[in-house]
Amino acid sequence: MKKIQKTSTDIIPTGYLWTGLILLFLFSVLPFIYMIGSSFSSQLELNEGHLFPHHPTLINYEQLFSNSGPYVAELRAAMGNSLEVSILTTIISLVFGCLAAYAFARIRFPFRMTGLFAILSMQVLPSVSIVVPLYMLFRSGFSIPIPFTDLSFQLTGPLLDTPWALIIAYCSGTIPYVVWMVTGYFSVVPKELEESAYVDGCGRLGTMFRIILPLSIPGLAATFIFSVLNNFDEFMFANAFTTTYNSKTIPIFIAELVGKHSLPWGLMTAAGVVATIPFVVLSMICYRWIVTGVTAGAVKG
């Protein structure tokens, strides 16, 4: 007997699907459209509460990129720091996360699922709970105490106000996310392919790099992009561990545009648009991989 394939409209009526799409548009796309519109609005129009500019202007972008203004150098430094920190954090997290994910996906050992859920629970831990310990650690730098003495071997100098403080702090949250996501993608790869590689003489690492990783590229690409976006937008750690534009990121730059007696919404939204453009372009380029990777994760789940 032929099995009847059900479509989405057989499960959920068309009216409910369109209602869900409209609500999704309102909650996700409309704020972005409003941000773009506000960036082309004057301060007077924004104060009057206009949703879209009646008289579009480029004054906010002119102030932001004016060579004689105070913002262009700080914006360039903040964007560079954000890209450096978010990309390096994601690369480091993928290296360690993929190794751990392969162990969880393919090696059977006691308390495997318990360990996986323990790693997931680190995502639930509020970031504010580790700000003070990390601050104290970065203030003094990493050191190894020598037992039975008051001496210690200093590995690094103070890390506050350096990109490495943010990279280490972000890795504490990004590595658990990568492990959890990539474990699902690795588990989808058929074991028969690994067994064939073992027959041909590959070890575990060889099988991982030659079989598992190439077949998981869509999932790794999706994980990479989402991790970069999360790290790029992070505010609390960046606000706590940075003091100058040697390490301040773009969210801190936008927040510091607020003056003591003024609230330049137009300038802030223009900076937000500038910070968003690179990732919109990246998402459009990698759209196929993102969709394939998310779908693979959903199938596994």
Protein backbone atom coordinates (compact mmCIF):
# COMPACT_ATOMS: atom_id res chain seq x y z
CA MET A 1 0.00 0.00 0.00
CA LYS A 2 1.37 3.37 -1.03
CA LYS A 3 2.16 5.70 1.85
CA ILE A 4 0.53 9.11 1.56
CA GLN A 5 2.96 11.98 2.09
CA LYS A 6 1.46 14.69 4.24
CA THR A 7 2.16 18.34 3.51
CA SER A 8 2.39 21.22 5.96
CA THR A 9 -1.13 22.39 5.07
CA ASP A 10 -2.54 18.94 5.96
CA ILE A 11 -1.16 19.30 9.49
CA ILE A 12 -1.71 23.03 10.03
CA PRO A 13 -4.45 24.95 8.16
CA THR A 14 -3.26 27.59 5.69
CA GLY A 15 -4.78 30.42 7.73
CA TYR A 16 -2.72 29.52 10.78
CA LEU A 17 0.44 29.27 8.66
CA TRP A 18 -0.06 32.75 7.23
CA THR A 19 -0.85 34.13 10.69
CA GLY A 20 2.38 32.64 12.01
CA LEU A 21 4.38 34.08 9.10
CA ILE A 22 2.88 37.55 9.62
CA LEU A 23 3.66 37.46 13.35
CA LEU A 24 7.20 36.25 12.60
CA PHE A 25 7.62 39.16 10.19
CA LEU A 26 6.34 41.69 12.73
CA PHE A 27 8.59 40.46 15.53
CA SER A 28 11.78 39.87 13.53
CA VAL A 29 11.84 41.96 10.35
CA LEU A 30 9.85 45.06 11.32
CA PRO A 31 12.32 46.19 14.05
CA PHE A 32 15.14 45.91 11.54
CA ILE A 33 13.18 47.99 9.02
CA TYR A 34 12.47 50.57 11.73
CA MET A 35 16.19 50.72 12.57
CA ILE A 36 17.05 51.43 8.93
CA GLY A 37 14.32 54.07 8.69
CA SER A 38 15.45 55.73 11.91
CA SER A 39 19.01 55.95 10.63
CA PHE A 40 17.74 58.20 7.81
CA SER A 41 15.63 60.36 10.15
CA SER A 42 16.52 63.64 11.78
CA GLN A 43 16.53 63.98 15.55
CA LEU A 44 13.40 66.17 15.33
CA GLU A 45 11.40 63.50 13.48
CA LEU A 46 12.53 60.83 15.94
CA ASN A 47 11.49 63.00 18.88
CA GLU A 48 8.07 63.45 17.28
CA GLY A 49 7.67 59.65 17.12
CA HIS A 50 7.55 59.17 13.35
CA LEU A 51 7.76 55.48 12.43
CA PHE A 52 9.37 56.23 9.07
CA PRO A 53 11.22 59.39 7.95
CA HIS A 54 9.09 62.02 6.22
CA HIS A 55 12.22 63.84 5.05
CA PRO A 56 15.05 61.30 4.68
CA THR A 57 18.52 62.61 5.45
CA LEU A 58 22.08 61.29 5.54
CA ILE A 59 23.12 63.52 8.44
CA ASN A 60 23.55 60.58 10.83
CA TYR A 61 25.91 58.76 8.46
CA GLU A 62 27.76 62.00 7.74
CA GLN A 63 28.38 62.51 11.45
CA LEU A 64 29.40 58.89 11.87
CA PHE A 65 31.93 58.84 9.00
CA SER A 66 33.12 62.44 9.04
CA ASN A 67 36.93 62.49 9.16
CA SER A 68 36.78 65.63 11.26
CA GLY A 69 34.32 64.08 13.71
CA PRO A 70 35.07 62.05 16.84
CA TYR A 71 33.36 58.86 15.73
CA VAL A 72 35.07 57.43 12.66
CA ALA A 73 38.28 56.28 14.39
CA GLU A 74 36.38 54.80 17.32
CA LEU A 75 33.92 53.06 14.98
CA ARG A 76 36.76 51.55 12.95
CA ALA A 77 38.52 50.32 16.10
CA ALA A 78 35.31 48.91 17.58
CA MET A 79 34.38 47.08 14.38
CA GLY A 80 37.87 45.62 14.10
CA ASN A 81 37.80 44.45 17.72
CA SER A 82 34.34 42.91 17.33
CA LEU A 83 35.30 40.99 14.19
CA GLU A 84 38.62 39.85 15.67
CA VAL A 85 37.11 38.68 18.95
CA SER A 86 34.03 37.00 17.48
CA ILE A 87 35.88 35.16 14.70
CA LEU A 88 38.82 34.01 16.85
CA THR A 89 36.45 32.88 19.61
CA THR A 90 34.40 30.86 17.15
CA ILE A 91 37.46 29.24 15.52
CA ILE A 92 38.91 28.23 18.90
CA SER A 93 35.52 26.94 20.04
CA LEU A 94 35.05 24.92 16.87
CA VAL A 95 38.48 23.29 17.21
CA PHE A 96 37.90 22.13 20.79
CA GLY A 97 34.14 21.68 20.35
CA CYS A 98 34.49 19.38 17.33
CA LEU A 99 36.91 17.10 19.18
CA ALA A 100 34.54 16.86 22.15
CA ALA A 101 31.51 16.46 19.89
CA TYR A 102 33.12 13.55 18.05
CA ALA A 103 33.75 11.80 21.35
CA PHE A 104 30.14 12.30 22.45
CA ALA A 105 28.75 11.23 19.07
CA ARG A 106 30.88 8.17 18.35
CA ILE A 107 32.60 6.89 21.52
CA ARG A 108 30.54 5.01 24.07
CA PHE A 109 31.74 5.69 27.62
CA PRO A 110 30.08 5.83 31.05
CA PHE A 111 27.92 8.88 31.78
CA ARG A 112 28.16 10.04 28.17
CA MET A 113 24.68 11.57 28.07
CA THR A 114 25.10 12.94 31.59
CA GLY A 115 28.25 14.73 30.47
CA LEU A 116 26.50 16.08 27.38
CA PHE A 117 23.65 17.50 29.44
CA ALA A 118 26.17 18.89 31.93
CA ILE A 119 27.80 20.80 29.07
CA LEU A 120 24.37 22.02 27.97
CA SER A 121 23.65 23.22 31.50
CA MET A 122 26.62 25.58 31.20
CA GLN A 123 24.56 27.46 28.63
CA VAL A 124 21.83 27.93 31.22
CA LEU A 125 24.28 29.38 33.76
CA PRO A 126 23.76 33.19 33.89
CA SER A 127 26.76 35.02 32.53
CA VAL A 128 26.57 37.58 35.34
CA SER A 129 27.46 34.86 37.85
CA ILE A 130 31.00 34.51 36.47
CA VAL A 131 31.77 38.17 35.74
CA VAL A 132 33.48 38.82 39.09
CA PRO A 133 35.67 35.64 39.06
CA LEU A 134 36.72 36.32 35.48
CA TYR A 135 37.47 39.97 36.28
CA MET A 136 39.74 38.96 39.17
CA LEU A 137 41.44 36.38 36.98
CA PHE A 138 42.03 38.80 34.11
CA ARG A 139 43.18 41.55 36.47
CA SER A 140 46.11 39.46 37.72
CA GLY A 141 46.69 37.26 34.68
CA PHE A 142 47.09 33.50 34.53
CA SER A 143 49.62 31.98 36.91
CA ILE A 144 50.55 28.54 38.27
CA PRO A 145 51.25 28.51 42.02
CA ILE A 146 54.30 26.56 43.21
CA PRO A 147 53.22 24.12 45.96
CA PHE A 148 54.34 24.81 49.54
CA THR A 149 55.69 28.25 48.60
CA ASP A 150 54.37 31.76 48.14
CA LEU A 151 55.77 31.81 44.62
CA SER A 152 53.94 31.30 41.36
CA PHE A 153 54.86 30.95 37.71
CA GLN A 154 53.25 33.83 35.81
CA LEU A 155 51.95 32.68 32.42
CA THR A 156 50.44 35.95 31.23
CA GLY A 157 50.32 39.55 32.28
CA PRO A 158 47.06 41.32 33.15
CA LEU A 159 44.47 40.68 30.45
CA LEU A 160 41.94 43.42 31.24
CA ASP A 161 41.34 45.78 28.32
CA THR A 162 42.73 43.28 25.81
CA PRO A 163 40.90 41.24 23.15
CA TRP A 164 42.11 38.03 24.80
CA ALA A 165 40.04 38.73 27.90
CA LEU A 166 36.90 38.77 25.73
CA ILE A 167 38.00 35.73 23.71
CA ILE A 168 38.51 33.63 26.86
CA ALA A 169 35.26 34.86 28.40
CA TYR A 170 33.27 34.19 25.22
CA CYS A 171 34.75 30.71 24.84
CA SER A 172 33.19 29.77 28.19
CA GLY A 173 29.79 30.04 26.57
CA THR A 174 30.57 29.28 22.94
CA ILE A 175 32.32 25.93 23.43
CA PRO A 176 29.29 24.31 25.17
CA TYR A 177 27.04 25.62 22.38
CA VAL A 178 29.36 24.23 19.69
CA VAL A 179 29.64 20.85 21.44
CA TRP A 180 25.87 20.48 21.73
CA MET A 181 25.15 21.53 18.15
CA VAL A 182 27.98 19.66 16.43
CA THR A 183 27.27 16.44 18.33
CA GLY A 184 23.90 16.32 16.60
CA TYR A 185 25.45 16.85 13.16
CA PHE A 186 28.13 14.19 13.71
CA SER A 187 25.53 11.68 14.89
CA VAL A 188 23.66 11.96 11.56
CA VAL A 189 26.68 10.75 9.53
CA PRO A 190 26.22 7.00 8.77
CA LYS A 191 28.53 4.77 10.77
CA GLU A 192 29.10 2.57 7.72
CA LEU A 193 31.29 5.29 6.21
CA GLU A 194 33.49 5.29 9.30
CA GLU A 195 33.72 1.50 9.29
CA SER A 196 34.87 1.59 5.67
CA ALA A 197 37.55 4.12 6.62
CA TYR A 198 38.71 1.89 9.47
CA VAL A 199 39.04 -1.00 7.02
CA ASP A 200 41.21 1.20 4.79
CA GLY A 201 43.53 1.90 7.71
CA CYS A 202 42.28 5.24 9.06
CA GLY A 203 42.37 5.88 12.78
CA ARG A 204 39.81 7.88 14.71
CA LEU A 205 41.37 11.26 13.98
CA GLY A 206 41.87 10.40 10.32
CA THR A 207 38.25 9.30 10.05
CA MET A 208 37.08 12.45 11.75
CA PHE A 209 39.03 14.80 9.47
CA ARG A 210 38.49 12.85 6.23
CA ILE A 211 34.92 11.60 6.66
CA ILE A 212 32.97 13.27 9.46
CA LEU A 213 34.06 16.90 9.04
CA PRO A 214 33.59 17.11 5.23
CA LEU A 215 30.11 15.59 5.49
CA SER A 216 29.20 17.98 8.32
CA ILE A 217 30.25 21.19 6.57
CA PRO A 218 26.67 22.60 6.32
CA GLY A 219 26.14 22.09 10.05
CA LEU A 220 29.56 23.50 10.89
CA ALA A 221 28.88 26.54 8.70
CA ALA A 222 25.58 27.20 10.44
CA THR A 223 27.20 26.79 13.86
CA PHE A 224 30.04 29.09 12.84
CA ILE A 225 27.74 31.88 11.69
CA PHE A 226 25.43 31.69 14.71
CA SER A 227 28.42 31.65 17.07
CA VAL A 228 30.00 34.66 15.39
CA LEU A 229 26.71 36.56 15.59
CA ASN A 230 26.26 35.75 19.29
CA ASN A 231 29.79 36.85 20.14
CA PHE A 232 29.60 39.95 17.97
CA ASP A 233 26.46 41.17 19.79
CA GLU A 234 27.60 40.35 23.35
CA PHE A 235 27.50 43.35 25.68
CA MET A 236 27.95 42.42 29.35
CA PHE A 237 31.45 40.91 29.23
CA ALA A 238 32.62 43.59 26.80
CA ASN A 239 31.34 46.31 29.12
CA ALA A 240 32.99 44.73 32.20
CA PHE A 241 36.42 43.85 30.77
CA THR A 242 37.19 46.79 28.44
CA THR A 243 38.01 50.41 29.21
CA THR A 244 39.59 51.83 26.04
CA TYR A 245 39.15 51.38 22.31
CA ASN A 246 42.10 49.01 22.31
CA SER A 247 39.50 46.32 23.02
CA LYS A 248 36.01 47.89 23.09
CA THR A 249 33.54 46.29 20.70
CA ILE A 250 30.76 47.73 18.57
CA PRO A 251 27.95 47.24 21.16
CA ILE A 252 29.98 49.33 23.63
CA PHE A 253 30.61 51.97 20.98
CA ILE A 254 26.88 52.27 20.27
CA ALA A 255 26.00 52.41 23.98
CA GLU A 256 28.55 55.15 24.61
CA LEU A 257 26.97 57.37 21.96
CA VAL A 258 24.38 58.25 24.61
CA GLY A 259 25.32 61.59 26.08
CA LYS A 260 24.66 63.00 29.53
CA HIS A 261 21.90 65.27 28.26
CA SER A 262 21.09 63.77 24.87
CA LEU A 263 19.95 60.52 23.28
CA PRO A 264 21.06 60.46 19.62
CA TRP A 265 18.77 57.71 18.32
CA GLY A 266 19.58 58.47 14.69
CA LEU A 267 23.32 58.16 15.24
CA MET A 268 22.88 54.95 17.24
CA THR A 269 20.66 53.32 14.61
CA ALA A 270 23.08 54.36 11.84
CA ALA A 271 25.91 52.65 13.75
CA GLY A 272 23.64 49.62 14.20
CA VAL A 273 23.01 49.45 10.45
CA VAL A 274 26.74 49.65 9.72
CA ALA A 275 27.45 46.88 12.22
CA THR A 276 24.70 44.68 10.73
CA ILE A 277 25.62 44.95 7.05
CA PRO A 278 28.62 42.51 7.08
CA PHE A 279 26.56 39.75 8.66
CA VAL A 280 23.57 40.29 6.41
CA VAL A 281 25.89 39.86 3.42
CA LEU A 282 27.53 36.81 5.02
CA SER A 283 24.15 35.24 5.78
CA MET A 284 22.97 35.79 2.20
CA ILE A 285 26.14 34.19 0.82
CA CYS A 286 25.92 31.21 3.19
CA TYR A 287 22.11 30.93 3.11
CA ARG A 288 22.09 27.45 1.57
CA TRP A 289 24.52 26.06 4.13
CA ILE A 290 22.64 27.70 7.01
CA VAL A 291 19.31 26.17 5.95
CA THR A 292 20.88 22.75 5.32
CA GLY A 293 22.70 22.80 8.64
CA VAL A 294 19.68 23.87 10.67
CA THR A 295 17.54 21.25 8.93
CA ALA A 296 20.10 18.54 9.73
CA GLY A 297 20.02 19.53 13.38
CA ALA A 298 16.23 19.52 13.39
CA VAL A 299 16.10 16.05 11.82
CA LYS A 300 18.47 14.73 14.48
CA GLY A 301 16.44 16.40 17.24
